[in-house]
Amino acid sequence: MKSAVVVFPGSNCDRDCKVAIERSTGAQVDLIWHAETELPQGIDLIVLPGGFAYGDYLRCGAMAAHSPVMGAVKAAADRGVAVVGICNGFQVLCEAGMLPGALLRNASLKYVCKPVMLEVANAQTRFTAGYQDRREVKMTVGNGEGNYYADEATLDRVEGEGQVVFRYRDNPNGSARDIAGVVNARGNVLGMMPHPDRAFEPELGSSDGALLFQSVLKSA
């Protein structure tokens, strides 16, 4: 199995994602610079990591969404390849139009960094099948603009169609309807603010994030 982690200028969780995937699944992981126009052949998973991306001072993910590599990411997603955007990666996916909604400044107007408990709202996706009957998992957030927003009609639609994958138990940033992660209508693109890459071994305080990577690569 093969995975690619996209590296934008400013990304600081790219190596975290690479190590988390390798240790959780044994998959080969390539780091791909954002200026590339092609991805490795036979890719099973593409990850847009957390941290920062160039142009975040305008609006998080606004410029990164137009990086050359995003054309290849969109094409792969259209073929059904799994794509995960974590934190800043979630912001990039929304800016690129690959997921509904947007990420706004936290309701507190402060940066939030702490462990959070999440409800697995939909365990029937390729990203969450490994959680089976588990309905609560622990990961970590670290963001200043993690406040998920969409209009009421969009929120009703994504909830009604099972696109809400994770919810906060104790919402740290004001996200609409406690939403922490959503998938696209096809079910192969996931965006989430919590970091599974910071929760893949017990020594990190939780190994729950490992199940996400294991689930998606097993489904491939």
N, C-alpha and C. Protein backbone atom coordinates (compact mmCIF):
# COMPACT_ATOMS: atom_id res chain seq x y z
N MET A 1 0.85 -1.19 0.00
CA MET A 1 0.00 0.00 0.00
C MET A 1 0.88 1.24 0.00
N LYS A 2 0.39 2.28 -0.68
CA LYS A 2 1.18 3.50 -0.82
C LYS A 2 0.37 4.72 -0.40
N SER A 3 1.07 5.65 0.23
CA SER A 3 0.43 6.88 0.67
C SER A 3 1.32 8.05 0.32
N ALA A 4 0.71 9.22 0.14
CA ALA A 4 1.46 10.44 -0.13
C ALA A 4 1.01 11.52 0.85
N VAL A 5 1.97 12.26 1.40
CA VAL A 5 1.69 13.40 2.26
C VAL A 5 2.18 14.65 1.54
N VAL A 6 1.27 15.59 1.29
CA VAL A 6 1.61 16.82 0.58
C VAL A 6 2.27 17.79 1.56
N VAL A 7 3.34 18.42 1.10
CA VAL A 7 4.06 19.39 1.92
C VAL A 7 3.90 20.78 1.32
N PHE A 8 3.22 21.66 2.05
CA PHE A 8 3.09 23.06 1.65
C PHE A 8 4.15 23.89 2.38
N PRO A 9 4.53 25.06 1.85
CA PRO A 9 5.41 25.94 2.62
C PRO A 9 4.75 26.30 3.95
N GLY A 10 5.39 25.94 5.04
CA GLY A 10 4.81 26.20 6.35
C GLY A 10 4.24 24.97 7.02
N SER A 11 4.02 23.88 6.27
CA SER A 11 3.51 22.66 6.91
C SER A 11 4.45 22.25 8.04
N ASN A 12 3.91 21.91 9.18
CA ASN A 12 4.78 21.42 10.26
C ASN A 12 4.31 20.09 10.83
N CYS A 13 3.31 19.48 10.20
CA CYS A 13 2.86 18.16 10.64
C CYS A 13 3.03 17.12 9.54
N ASP A 14 3.80 17.47 8.50
CA ASP A 14 3.99 16.53 7.40
C ASP A 14 4.76 15.29 7.85
N ARG A 15 5.85 15.48 8.60
CA ARG A 15 6.60 14.33 9.08
C ARG A 15 5.80 13.56 10.12
N ASP A 16 5.01 14.27 10.94
CA ASP A 16 4.14 13.59 11.91
C ASP A 16 3.22 12.61 11.20
N CYS A 17 2.61 13.07 10.09
CA CYS A 17 1.70 12.21 9.34
C CYS A 17 2.43 11.04 8.72
N LYS A 18 3.60 11.29 8.17
CA LYS A 18 4.39 10.22 7.56
C LYS A 18 4.70 9.14 8.58
N VAL A 19 5.20 9.55 9.74
CA VAL A 19 5.55 8.59 10.80
C VAL A 19 4.31 7.86 11.30
N ALA A 20 3.21 8.60 11.50
CA ALA A 20 1.98 7.97 12.00
C ALA A 20 1.47 6.90 11.05
N ILE A 21 1.47 7.19 9.76
CA ILE A 21 0.99 6.21 8.78
C ILE A 21 1.91 5.01 8.71
N GLU A 22 3.22 5.27 8.67
CA GLU A 22 4.18 4.17 8.58
C GLU A 22 4.08 3.25 9.79
N ARG A 23 4.01 3.82 10.98
CA ARG A 23 3.98 2.99 12.19
C ARG A 23 2.63 2.34 12.40
N SER A 24 1.57 2.98 11.93
CA SER A 24 0.22 2.42 12.12
C SER A 24 -0.09 1.32 11.13
N THR A 25 0.45 1.44 9.91
CA THR A 25 0.03 0.55 8.83
C THR A 25 1.16 -0.18 8.12
N GLY A 26 2.38 0.31 8.24
CA GLY A 26 3.48 -0.27 7.47
C GLY A 26 3.50 0.16 6.02
N ALA A 27 2.61 1.10 5.64
CA ALA A 27 2.54 1.55 4.25
C ALA A 27 3.74 2.41 3.88
N GLN A 28 4.08 2.39 2.61
CA GLN A 28 5.10 3.29 2.08
C GLN A 28 4.52 4.70 2.00
N VAL A 29 5.26 5.69 2.45
CA VAL A 29 4.78 7.07 2.45
C VAL A 29 5.79 7.98 1.75
N ASP A 30 5.33 8.70 0.75
CA ASP A 30 6.16 9.67 0.05
C ASP A 30 5.73 11.08 0.44
N LEU A 31 6.70 11.96 0.66
CA LEU A 31 6.42 13.37 0.88
C LEU A 31 6.45 14.08 -0.46
N ILE A 32 5.38 14.80 -0.78
CA ILE A 32 5.22 15.42 -2.09
C ILE A 32 5.18 16.94 -1.94
N TRP A 33 6.11 17.64 -2.56
CA TRP A 33 6.16 19.09 -2.51
C TRP A 33 4.98 19.69 -3.26
N HIS A 34 4.44 20.78 -2.75
CA HIS A 34 3.20 21.35 -3.28
C HIS A 34 3.31 21.81 -4.73
N ALA A 35 4.52 22.05 -5.22
CA ALA A 35 4.70 22.53 -6.59
C ALA A 35 4.70 21.40 -7.61
N GLU A 36 4.68 20.16 -7.14
CA GLU A 36 4.62 19.02 -8.07
C GLU A 36 3.25 19.00 -8.75
N THR A 37 3.22 18.46 -9.95
CA THR A 37 1.96 18.38 -10.70
C THR A 37 1.46 16.94 -10.83
N GLU A 38 2.22 15.98 -10.32
CA GLU A 38 1.83 14.58 -10.39
C GLU A 38 2.05 13.91 -9.05
N LEU A 39 1.29 12.85 -8.80
CA LEU A 39 1.44 12.04 -7.61
C LEU A 39 2.00 10.68 -8.00
N PRO A 40 2.60 9.94 -7.07
CA PRO A 40 3.11 8.60 -7.39
C PRO A 40 2.00 7.69 -7.92
N GLN A 41 2.36 6.79 -8.79
CA GLN A 41 1.40 5.83 -9.34
C GLN A 41 0.95 4.86 -8.25
N GLY A 42 -0.28 4.39 -8.34
CA GLY A 42 -0.79 3.37 -7.44
C GLY A 42 -1.01 3.84 -6.02
N ILE A 43 -1.30 5.13 -5.85
CA ILE A 43 -1.46 5.69 -4.53
C ILE A 43 -2.81 5.27 -3.93
N ASP A 44 -2.81 4.93 -2.64
CA ASP A 44 -4.04 4.52 -1.95
C ASP A 44 -4.60 5.59 -1.04
N LEU A 45 -3.73 6.49 -0.56
CA LEU A 45 -4.15 7.52 0.39
C LEU A 45 -3.32 8.78 0.19
N ILE A 46 -4.00 9.92 0.16
CA ILE A 46 -3.33 11.21 0.09
C ILE A 46 -3.70 11.98 1.36
N VAL A 47 -2.69 12.55 2.02
CA VAL A 47 -2.93 13.30 3.24
C VAL A 47 -2.45 14.74 3.05
N LEU A 48 -3.32 15.69 3.36
CA LEU A 48 -2.94 17.09 3.45
C LEU A 48 -2.76 17.37 4.94
N PRO A 49 -1.54 17.62 5.40
CA PRO A 49 -1.27 17.66 6.83
C PRO A 49 -1.65 18.98 7.48
N GLY A 50 -1.55 18.99 8.81
CA GLY A 50 -1.82 20.19 9.56
C GLY A 50 -0.60 21.08 9.69
N GLY A 51 -0.75 22.13 10.45
CA GLY A 51 0.32 23.10 10.59
C GLY A 51 -0.13 24.41 9.97
N PHE A 52 0.60 24.83 8.97
CA PHE A 52 0.29 26.08 8.28
C PHE A 52 0.54 25.89 6.80
N ALA A 53 0.07 26.82 6.00
CA ALA A 53 0.37 26.84 4.57
C ALA A 53 0.58 28.29 4.17
N TYR A 54 1.35 28.46 3.12
CA TYR A 54 1.63 29.83 2.68
C TYR A 54 0.31 30.53 2.33
N GLY A 55 0.22 31.80 2.68
CA GLY A 55 -1.00 32.56 2.41
C GLY A 55 -2.04 32.46 3.49
N ASP A 56 -1.75 31.77 4.59
CA ASP A 56 -2.74 31.66 5.66
C ASP A 56 -3.09 33.03 6.26
N TYR A 57 -2.19 34.00 6.10
CA TYR A 57 -2.47 35.33 6.64
C TYR A 57 -3.62 35.99 5.88
N LEU A 58 -3.91 35.52 4.67
CA LEU A 58 -5.07 36.01 3.92
C LEU A 58 -6.34 35.33 4.42
N ARG A 59 -6.29 34.00 4.41
CA ARG A 59 -7.37 33.15 4.90
C ARG A 59 -6.81 31.74 4.85
N CYS A 60 -6.95 30.99 5.91
CA CYS A 60 -6.30 29.68 5.99
C CYS A 60 -6.65 28.79 4.80
N GLY A 61 -5.62 28.35 4.09
CA GLY A 61 -5.81 27.44 2.96
C GLY A 61 -6.14 28.12 1.65
N ALA A 62 -6.35 29.43 1.66
CA ALA A 62 -6.84 30.12 0.46
C ALA A 62 -5.87 30.03 -0.70
N MET A 63 -4.58 30.18 -0.44
CA MET A 63 -3.59 30.10 -1.51
C MET A 63 -3.16 28.66 -1.76
N ALA A 64 -3.00 27.90 -0.69
CA ALA A 64 -2.58 26.51 -0.84
C ALA A 64 -3.56 25.70 -1.69
N ALA A 65 -4.83 26.08 -1.64
CA ALA A 65 -5.84 25.37 -2.44
C ALA A 65 -5.57 25.49 -3.94
N HIS A 66 -4.74 26.48 -4.33
CA HIS A 66 -4.42 26.68 -5.74
C HIS A 66 -3.02 26.20 -6.09
N SER A 67 -2.35 25.50 -5.17
CA SER A 67 -1.04 24.95 -5.47
C SER A 67 -1.13 23.96 -6.62
N PRO A 68 -0.07 23.84 -7.43
CA PRO A 68 -0.10 22.92 -8.58
C PRO A 68 -0.51 21.50 -8.21
N VAL A 69 -0.06 21.00 -7.06
CA VAL A 69 -0.35 19.61 -6.70
C VAL A 69 -1.84 19.37 -6.50
N MET A 70 -2.60 20.42 -6.20
CA MET A 70 -4.01 20.23 -5.92
C MET A 70 -4.79 19.75 -7.15
N GLY A 71 -4.29 20.05 -8.33
CA GLY A 71 -4.93 19.50 -9.53
C GLY A 71 -4.83 17.99 -9.55
N ALA A 72 -3.66 17.47 -9.16
CA ALA A 72 -3.48 16.02 -9.10
C ALA A 72 -4.28 15.40 -7.96
N VAL A 73 -4.38 16.13 -6.84
CA VAL A 73 -5.17 15.63 -5.71
C VAL A 73 -6.64 15.52 -6.10
N LYS A 74 -7.16 16.55 -6.76
CA LYS A 74 -8.56 16.52 -7.19
C LYS A 74 -8.81 15.41 -8.19
N ALA A 75 -7.88 15.23 -9.12
CA ALA A 75 -8.03 14.17 -10.12
C ALA A 75 -8.04 12.80 -9.46
N ALA A 76 -7.16 12.60 -8.47
CA ALA A 76 -7.12 11.32 -7.75
C ALA A 76 -8.41 11.10 -6.98
N ALA A 77 -8.91 12.16 -6.33
CA ALA A 77 -10.17 12.04 -5.59
C ALA A 77 -11.32 11.69 -6.53
N ASP A 78 -11.31 12.27 -7.72
CA ASP A 78 -12.35 11.96 -8.71
C ASP A 78 -12.30 10.50 -9.14
N ARG A 79 -11.11 9.89 -9.06
CA ARG A 79 -10.97 8.46 -9.39
C ARG A 79 -11.35 7.57 -8.21
N GLY A 80 -11.61 8.18 -7.05
CA GLY A 80 -12.00 7.40 -5.88
C GLY A 80 -10.91 7.18 -4.86
N VAL A 81 -9.72 7.76 -5.08
CA VAL A 81 -8.63 7.63 -4.12
C VAL A 81 -9.02 8.34 -2.82
N ALA A 82 -8.65 7.78 -1.70
CA ALA A 82 -8.96 8.38 -0.39
C ALA A 82 -8.07 9.59 -0.14
N VAL A 83 -8.68 10.66 0.35
CA VAL A 83 -7.96 11.89 0.69
C VAL A 83 -8.36 12.31 2.10
N VAL A 84 -7.37 12.62 2.93
CA VAL A 84 -7.63 13.11 4.27
C VAL A 84 -6.95 14.46 4.44
N GLY A 85 -7.70 15.46 4.88
CA GLY A 85 -7.14 16.76 5.22
C GLY A 85 -7.26 16.96 6.71
N ILE A 86 -6.13 17.17 7.38
CA ILE A 86 -6.10 17.30 8.83
C ILE A 86 -5.79 18.75 9.20
N CYS A 87 -6.64 19.37 10.00
CA CYS A 87 -6.42 20.73 10.49
C CYS A 87 -6.25 21.69 9.31
N ASN A 88 -5.05 22.19 9.04
CA ASN A 88 -4.86 23.08 7.90
C ASN A 88 -5.25 22.37 6.60
N GLY A 89 -5.05 21.07 6.55
CA GLY A 89 -5.46 20.31 5.36
C GLY A 89 -6.96 20.34 5.16
N PHE A 90 -7.72 20.34 6.25
CA PHE A 90 -9.17 20.47 6.18
C PHE A 90 -9.53 21.83 5.60
N GLN A 91 -8.85 22.86 6.06
CA GLN A 91 -9.08 24.21 5.54
C GLN A 91 -8.79 24.28 4.04
N VAL A 92 -7.71 23.62 3.62
CA VAL A 92 -7.36 23.61 2.19
C VAL A 92 -8.43 22.91 1.37
N LEU A 93 -8.93 21.78 1.86
CA LEU A 93 -9.97 21.04 1.14
C LEU A 93 -11.25 21.85 0.98
N CYS A 94 -11.62 22.59 2.03
CA CYS A 94 -12.81 23.44 1.93
C CYS A 94 -12.58 24.58 0.94
N GLU A 95 -11.41 25.19 1.00
CA GLU A 95 -11.09 26.28 0.07
C GLU A 95 -11.04 25.79 -1.37
N ALA A 96 -10.65 24.54 -1.56
CA ALA A 96 -10.56 23.96 -2.90
C ALA A 96 -11.91 23.48 -3.42
N GLY A 97 -12.95 23.57 -2.60
CA GLY A 97 -14.27 23.14 -3.01
C GLY A 97 -14.47 21.64 -2.97
N MET A 98 -13.56 20.93 -2.30
CA MET A 98 -13.65 19.47 -2.24
C MET A 98 -14.51 19.00 -1.07
N LEU A 99 -14.81 19.91 -0.14
CA LEU A 99 -15.69 19.61 0.98
C LEU A 99 -16.60 20.80 1.22
N PRO A 100 -17.79 20.56 1.75
CA PRO A 100 -18.71 21.67 2.03
C PRO A 100 -18.28 22.45 3.26
N GLY A 101 -18.68 23.71 3.33
CA GLY A 101 -18.45 24.51 4.52
C GLY A 101 -17.14 25.26 4.48
N ALA A 102 -16.82 25.88 5.62
CA ALA A 102 -15.61 26.67 5.76
C ALA A 102 -15.18 26.64 7.22
N LEU A 103 -13.91 26.98 7.47
CA LEU A 103 -13.39 27.05 8.82
C LEU A 103 -13.13 28.51 9.18
N LEU A 104 -13.76 28.98 10.25
CA LEU A 104 -13.66 30.36 10.70
C LEU A 104 -12.78 30.46 11.95
N ARG A 105 -12.51 31.69 12.38
CA ARG A 105 -11.81 31.90 13.65
C ARG A 105 -12.56 31.22 14.78
N ASN A 106 -11.82 30.66 15.71
CA ASN A 106 -12.44 30.05 16.88
C ASN A 106 -13.35 31.06 17.58
N ALA A 107 -14.43 30.59 18.13
CA ALA A 107 -15.39 31.47 18.79
C ALA A 107 -14.74 32.28 19.92
N SER A 108 -13.72 31.70 20.55
CA SER A 108 -13.01 32.39 21.63
C SER A 108 -12.02 33.42 21.12
N LEU A 109 -11.77 33.38 19.80
CA LEU A 109 -10.74 34.22 19.16
C LEU A 109 -9.35 33.90 19.69
N LYS A 110 -9.19 32.69 20.24
CA LYS A 110 -7.90 32.26 20.77
C LYS A 110 -7.49 30.93 20.14
N TYR A 111 -6.19 30.72 20.09
CA TYR A 111 -5.65 29.44 19.65
C TYR A 111 -5.96 28.39 20.70
N VAL A 112 -6.42 27.23 20.27
CA VAL A 112 -6.80 26.15 21.18
C VAL A 112 -5.91 24.94 20.90
N CYS A 113 -5.26 24.44 21.92
CA CYS A 113 -4.40 23.26 21.76
C CYS A 113 -4.59 22.36 22.99
N LYS A 114 -5.25 21.23 22.79
CA LYS A 114 -5.51 20.33 23.92
C LYS A 114 -6.11 19.02 23.41
N PRO A 115 -6.08 17.98 24.24
CA PRO A 115 -6.77 16.74 23.89
C PRO A 115 -8.28 16.96 23.89
N VAL A 116 -8.97 16.26 23.01
CA VAL A 116 -10.42 16.36 22.94
C VAL A 116 -11.03 14.97 22.78
N MET A 117 -12.22 14.82 23.30
CA MET A 117 -12.99 13.60 23.10
C MET A 117 -13.93 13.81 21.93
N LEU A 118 -14.03 12.81 21.08
CA LEU A 118 -14.85 12.88 19.88
C LEU A 118 -15.86 11.76 19.85
N GLU A 119 -17.02 12.06 19.33
CA GLU A 119 -18.01 11.03 19.01
C GLU A 119 -17.78 10.58 17.57
N VAL A 120 -17.73 9.27 17.35
CA VAL A 120 -17.70 8.74 15.99
C VAL A 120 -19.13 8.75 15.49
N ALA A 121 -19.47 9.75 14.71
CA ALA A 121 -20.87 9.95 14.29
C ALA A 121 -21.27 9.01 13.18
N ASN A 122 -20.31 8.54 12.40
CA ASN A 122 -20.59 7.60 11.31
C ASN A 122 -19.43 6.62 11.21
N ALA A 123 -19.66 5.40 11.64
CA ALA A 123 -18.62 4.37 11.62
C ALA A 123 -18.70 3.50 10.37
N GLN A 124 -19.47 3.96 9.38
CA GLN A 124 -19.65 3.17 8.16
C GLN A 124 -18.84 3.72 6.99
N THR A 125 -17.93 4.66 7.25
CA THR A 125 -17.10 5.19 6.17
C THR A 125 -15.80 4.39 6.06
N ARG A 126 -15.10 4.58 4.96
CA ARG A 126 -13.83 3.87 4.80
C ARG A 126 -12.78 4.37 5.80
N PHE A 127 -13.01 5.55 6.39
CA PHE A 127 -12.06 6.11 7.34
C PHE A 127 -12.34 5.67 8.78
N THR A 128 -13.54 5.22 9.05
CA THR A 128 -13.92 4.94 10.44
C THR A 128 -14.39 3.50 10.67
N ALA A 129 -14.35 2.67 9.66
CA ALA A 129 -14.85 1.30 9.80
C ALA A 129 -14.12 0.54 10.91
N GLY A 130 -12.86 0.88 11.14
CA GLY A 130 -12.08 0.19 12.15
C GLY A 130 -12.51 0.46 13.57
N TYR A 131 -13.31 1.51 13.77
CA TYR A 131 -13.78 1.82 15.12
C TYR A 131 -14.93 0.91 15.53
N GLN A 132 -15.57 0.26 14.55
CA GLN A 132 -16.65 -0.70 14.80
C GLN A 132 -17.69 -0.13 15.75
N ASP A 133 -17.84 -0.73 16.94
CA ASP A 133 -18.87 -0.29 17.88
C ASP A 133 -18.41 0.84 18.80
N ARG A 134 -17.17 1.27 18.66
CA ARG A 134 -16.69 2.36 19.52
C ARG A 134 -17.34 3.66 19.08
N ARG A 135 -17.80 4.42 20.03
CA ARG A 135 -18.47 5.67 19.70
C ARG A 135 -17.75 6.88 20.29
N GLU A 136 -16.65 6.66 21.01
CA GLU A 136 -15.90 7.77 21.57
C GLU A 136 -14.41 7.51 21.40
N VAL A 137 -13.69 8.52 20.89
CA VAL A 137 -12.25 8.41 20.69
C VAL A 137 -11.59 9.69 21.18
N LYS A 138 -10.29 9.60 21.41
CA LYS A 138 -9.52 10.73 21.92
C LYS A 138 -8.45 11.13 20.93
N MET A 139 -8.42 12.40 20.56
CA MET A 139 -7.37 12.95 19.71
C MET A 139 -6.97 14.31 20.26
N THR A 140 -6.28 15.11 19.47
CA THR A 140 -5.79 16.42 19.92
C THR A 140 -6.10 17.48 18.88
N VAL A 141 -6.48 18.66 19.33
CA VAL A 141 -6.65 19.79 18.42
C VAL A 141 -5.56 20.82 18.67
N GLY A 142 -5.24 21.58 17.63
CA GLY A 142 -4.28 22.67 17.75
C GLY A 142 -4.56 23.65 16.62
N ASN A 143 -5.44 24.62 16.86
CA ASN A 143 -5.84 25.51 15.77
C ASN A 143 -6.35 26.84 16.30
N GLY A 144 -6.32 27.83 15.43
CA GLY A 144 -6.91 29.13 15.72
C GLY A 144 -8.13 29.39 14.87
N GLU A 145 -8.28 28.60 13.80
CA GLU A 145 -9.42 28.75 12.89
C GLU A 145 -10.03 27.38 12.61
N GLY A 146 -10.60 26.80 13.65
CA GLY A 146 -11.19 25.47 13.53
C GLY A 146 -12.69 25.46 13.72
N ASN A 147 -13.28 26.62 13.59
CA ASN A 147 -14.72 26.81 13.82
C ASN A 147 -15.48 26.47 12.53
N TYR A 148 -15.98 25.24 12.44
CA TYR A 148 -16.65 24.79 11.21
C TYR A 148 -17.97 25.52 11.01
N TYR A 149 -18.15 26.04 9.80
CA TYR A 149 -19.36 26.80 9.47
C TYR A 149 -19.92 26.35 8.13
N ALA A 150 -21.24 26.28 8.06
CA ALA A 150 -21.97 26.11 6.80
C ALA A 150 -23.38 26.65 7.03
N ASP A 151 -24.06 27.01 5.96
CA ASP A 151 -25.43 27.50 6.13
C ASP A 151 -26.33 26.36 6.59
N GLU A 152 -27.50 26.70 7.09
CA GLU A 152 -28.38 25.70 7.69
C GLU A 152 -28.79 24.61 6.71
N ALA A 153 -29.02 24.98 5.46
CA ALA A 153 -29.42 23.98 4.46
C ALA A 153 -28.29 22.98 4.23
N THR A 154 -27.05 23.48 4.17
CA THR A 154 -25.91 22.59 3.98
C THR A 154 -25.72 21.69 5.20
N LEU A 155 -25.85 22.26 6.39
CA LEU A 155 -25.72 21.45 7.60
C LEU A 155 -26.78 20.36 7.65
N ASP A 156 -28.00 20.69 7.30
CA ASP A 156 -29.07 19.68 7.27
C ASP A 156 -28.74 18.58 6.27
N ARG A 157 -28.19 18.98 5.14
CA ARG A 157 -27.87 17.99 4.10
C ARG A 157 -26.74 17.06 4.53
N VAL A 158 -25.65 17.61 5.03
CA VAL A 158 -24.52 16.75 5.40
C VAL A 158 -24.87 15.85 6.57
N GLU A 159 -25.71 16.35 7.48
CA GLU A 159 -26.15 15.48 8.57
C GLU A 159 -27.09 14.40 8.07
N GLY A 160 -28.02 14.79 7.22
CA GLY A 160 -29.01 13.85 6.70
C GLY A 160 -28.42 12.77 5.84
N GLU A 161 -27.31 13.08 5.17
CA GLU A 161 -26.68 12.12 4.26
C GLU A 161 -25.50 11.40 4.90
N GLY A 162 -25.33 11.55 6.20
CA GLY A 162 -24.29 10.81 6.91
C GLY A 162 -22.88 11.30 6.64
N GLN A 163 -22.73 12.56 6.23
CA GLN A 163 -21.40 13.08 5.92
C GLN A 163 -20.66 13.61 7.15
N VAL A 164 -21.37 13.75 8.27
CA VAL A 164 -20.69 14.13 9.51
C VAL A 164 -20.06 12.87 10.09
N VAL A 165 -18.75 12.87 10.23
CA VAL A 165 -18.02 11.68 10.68
C VAL A 165 -17.62 11.77 12.14
N PHE A 166 -17.17 12.94 12.58
CA PHE A 166 -16.78 13.14 13.97
C PHE A 166 -17.48 14.37 14.53
N ARG A 167 -17.84 14.30 15.83
CA ARG A 167 -18.37 15.45 16.56
C ARG A 167 -17.58 15.62 17.85
N TYR A 168 -17.46 16.87 18.28
CA TYR A 168 -16.83 17.14 19.57
C TYR A 168 -17.80 16.80 20.70
N ARG A 169 -17.27 16.19 21.76
CA ARG A 169 -18.05 15.99 22.98
C ARG A 169 -18.16 17.32 23.74
N ASP A 170 -17.05 18.06 23.74
CA ASP A 170 -17.01 19.37 24.39
C ASP A 170 -16.38 20.33 23.39
N ASN A 171 -17.22 20.96 22.60
CA ASN A 171 -16.79 21.78 21.46
C ASN A 171 -15.78 22.86 21.86
N PRO A 172 -14.52 22.77 21.38
CA PRO A 172 -13.50 23.73 21.83
C PRO A 172 -13.42 25.00 21.00
N ASN A 173 -14.11 25.05 19.87
CA ASN A 173 -13.91 26.20 18.97
C ASN A 173 -15.19 26.80 18.39
N GLY A 174 -16.35 26.28 18.80
CA GLY A 174 -17.61 26.87 18.36
C GLY A 174 -18.18 26.30 17.08
N SER A 175 -17.65 25.18 16.61
CA SER A 175 -18.10 24.59 15.35
C SER A 175 -19.60 24.33 15.35
N ALA A 176 -20.23 24.61 14.22
CA ALA A 176 -21.67 24.39 14.07
C ALA A 176 -22.01 22.94 14.35
N ARG A 177 -22.99 22.74 15.18
CA ARG A 177 -23.52 21.41 15.52
C ARG A 177 -22.42 20.46 16.01
N ASP A 178 -21.38 21.02 16.61
CA ASP A 178 -20.27 20.26 17.20
C ASP A 178 -19.49 19.45 16.17
N ILE A 179 -19.54 19.84 14.92
CA ILE A 179 -18.91 19.06 13.85
C ILE A 179 -17.39 19.19 13.91
N ALA A 180 -16.72 18.04 13.93
CA ALA A 180 -15.25 18.00 13.96
C ALA A 180 -14.66 17.42 12.69
N GLY A 181 -15.48 16.71 11.90
CA GLY A 181 -14.99 16.11 10.67
C GLY A 181 -16.12 15.73 9.74
N VAL A 182 -15.93 15.95 8.44
CA VAL A 182 -16.95 15.63 7.44
C VAL A 182 -16.31 14.94 6.24
N VAL A 183 -17.13 14.17 5.53
CA VAL A 183 -16.70 13.57 4.26
C VAL A 183 -17.51 14.17 3.13
N ASN A 184 -17.00 14.02 1.92
CA ASN A 184 -17.75 14.46 0.74
C ASN A 184 -18.88 13.48 0.46
N ALA A 185 -19.73 13.81 -0.50
CA ALA A 185 -20.90 12.98 -0.80
C ALA A 185 -20.49 11.58 -1.25
N ARG A 186 -19.36 11.48 -1.93
CA ARG A 186 -18.89 10.17 -2.42
C ARG A 186 -18.30 9.33 -1.30
N GLY A 187 -17.83 9.99 -0.24
CA GLY A 187 -17.30 9.27 0.91
C GLY A 187 -15.83 8.97 0.87
N ASN A 188 -15.08 9.57 -0.06
CA ASN A 188 -13.65 9.27 -0.15
C ASN A 188 -12.75 10.44 0.20
N VAL A 189 -13.35 11.58 0.59
CA VAL A 189 -12.56 12.74 1.01
C VAL A 189 -13.02 13.14 2.41
N LEU A 190 -12.09 13.12 3.35
CA LEU A 190 -12.39 13.45 4.75
C LEU A 190 -11.60 14.68 5.17
N GLY A 191 -12.29 15.61 5.83
CA GLY A 191 -11.62 16.73 6.47
C GLY A 191 -11.92 16.71 7.95
N MET A 192 -10.91 16.92 8.78
CA MET A 192 -11.11 16.90 10.22
C MET A 192 -10.12 17.84 10.89
N MET A 193 -10.56 18.55 11.92
CA MET A 193 -9.67 19.43 12.66
C MET A 193 -8.82 18.69 13.68
N PRO A 194 -9.32 17.70 14.42
CA PRO A 194 -8.47 16.95 15.34
C PRO A 194 -7.37 16.18 14.59
N HIS A 195 -6.27 15.93 15.29
CA HIS A 195 -5.10 15.30 14.68
C HIS A 195 -5.00 13.81 15.02
N PRO A 196 -5.32 12.92 14.08
CA PRO A 196 -5.04 11.50 14.32
C PRO A 196 -3.54 11.22 14.34
N ASP A 197 -2.76 12.09 13.67
CA ASP A 197 -1.31 11.91 13.62
C ASP A 197 -0.64 12.25 14.95
N ARG A 198 -1.37 12.84 15.86
CA ARG A 198 -0.85 13.12 17.20
C ARG A 198 -1.46 12.17 18.23
N ALA A 199 -2.09 11.12 17.74
CA ALA A 199 -2.77 10.18 18.64
C ALA A 199 -2.73 8.78 18.05
N PHE A 200 -1.51 8.30 17.73
CA PHE A 200 -1.42 6.98 17.09
C PHE A 200 -0.65 5.97 17.93
N GLU A 201 -0.15 6.39 19.11
CA GLU A 201 0.55 5.49 20.01
C GLU A 201 0.16 5.82 21.46
N PRO A 202 0.11 4.82 22.34
CA PRO A 202 -0.26 5.09 23.73
C PRO A 202 0.63 6.14 24.38
N GLU A 203 1.90 6.19 23.98
CA GLU A 203 2.83 7.15 24.57
C GLU A 203 2.42 8.60 24.28
N LEU A 204 1.59 8.80 23.28
CA LEU A 204 1.11 10.14 22.93
C LEU A 204 -0.17 10.51 23.68
N GLY A 205 -0.64 9.60 24.51
CA GLY A 205 -1.87 9.84 25.27
C GLY A 205 -3.08 9.15 24.68
N SER A 206 -2.96 8.68 23.44
CA SER A 206 -4.05 7.95 22.77
C SER A 206 -3.49 7.29 21.52
N SER A 207 -4.02 6.13 21.20
CA SER A 207 -3.67 5.46 19.94
C SER A 207 -4.88 5.39 19.01
N ASP A 208 -5.92 6.17 19.33
CA ASP A 208 -7.16 6.11 18.55
C ASP A 208 -6.97 6.56 17.10
N GLY A 209 -6.04 7.46 16.86
CA GLY A 209 -5.83 7.94 15.50
C GLY A 209 -5.31 6.88 14.56
N ALA A 210 -4.60 5.89 15.11
CA ALA A 210 -4.05 4.82 14.27
C ALA A 210 -5.16 4.06 13.54
N LEU A 211 -6.31 3.91 14.20
CA LEU A 211 -7.41 3.17 13.59
C LEU A 211 -7.94 3.86 12.34
N LEU A 212 -7.84 5.18 12.29
CA LEU A 212 -8.29 5.90 11.09
C LEU A 212 -7.41 5.52 9.90
N PHE A 213 -6.09 5.60 10.08
CA PHE A 213 -5.18 5.26 8.99
C PHE A 213 -5.31 3.78 8.61
N GLN A 214 -5.46 2.93 9.59
CA GLN A 214 -5.61 1.50 9.33
C GLN A 214 -6.89 1.22 8.56
N SER A 215 -7.97 1.92 8.92
CA SER A 215 -9.26 1.71 8.27
C SER A 215 -9.20 2.06 6.79
N VAL A 216 -8.65 3.23 6.48
CA VAL A 216 -8.66 3.68 5.10
C VAL A 216 -7.74 2.85 4.23
N LEU A 217 -6.61 2.43 4.75
CA LEU A 217 -5.70 1.63 3.93
C LEU A 217 -6.20 0.19 3.80
N LYS A 218 -6.89 -0.30 4.82
CA LYS A 218 -7.49 -1.64 4.70
C LYS A 218 -8.57 -1.64 3.65
N SER A 219 -9.33 -0.55 3.58
CA SER A 219 -10.41 -0.47 2.58
C SER A 219 -9.87 -0.44 1.16
N ALA A 220 -8.61 -0.02 1.02
CA ALA A 220 -8.00 0.06 -0.32
C ALA A 220 -7.63 -1.33 -0.82
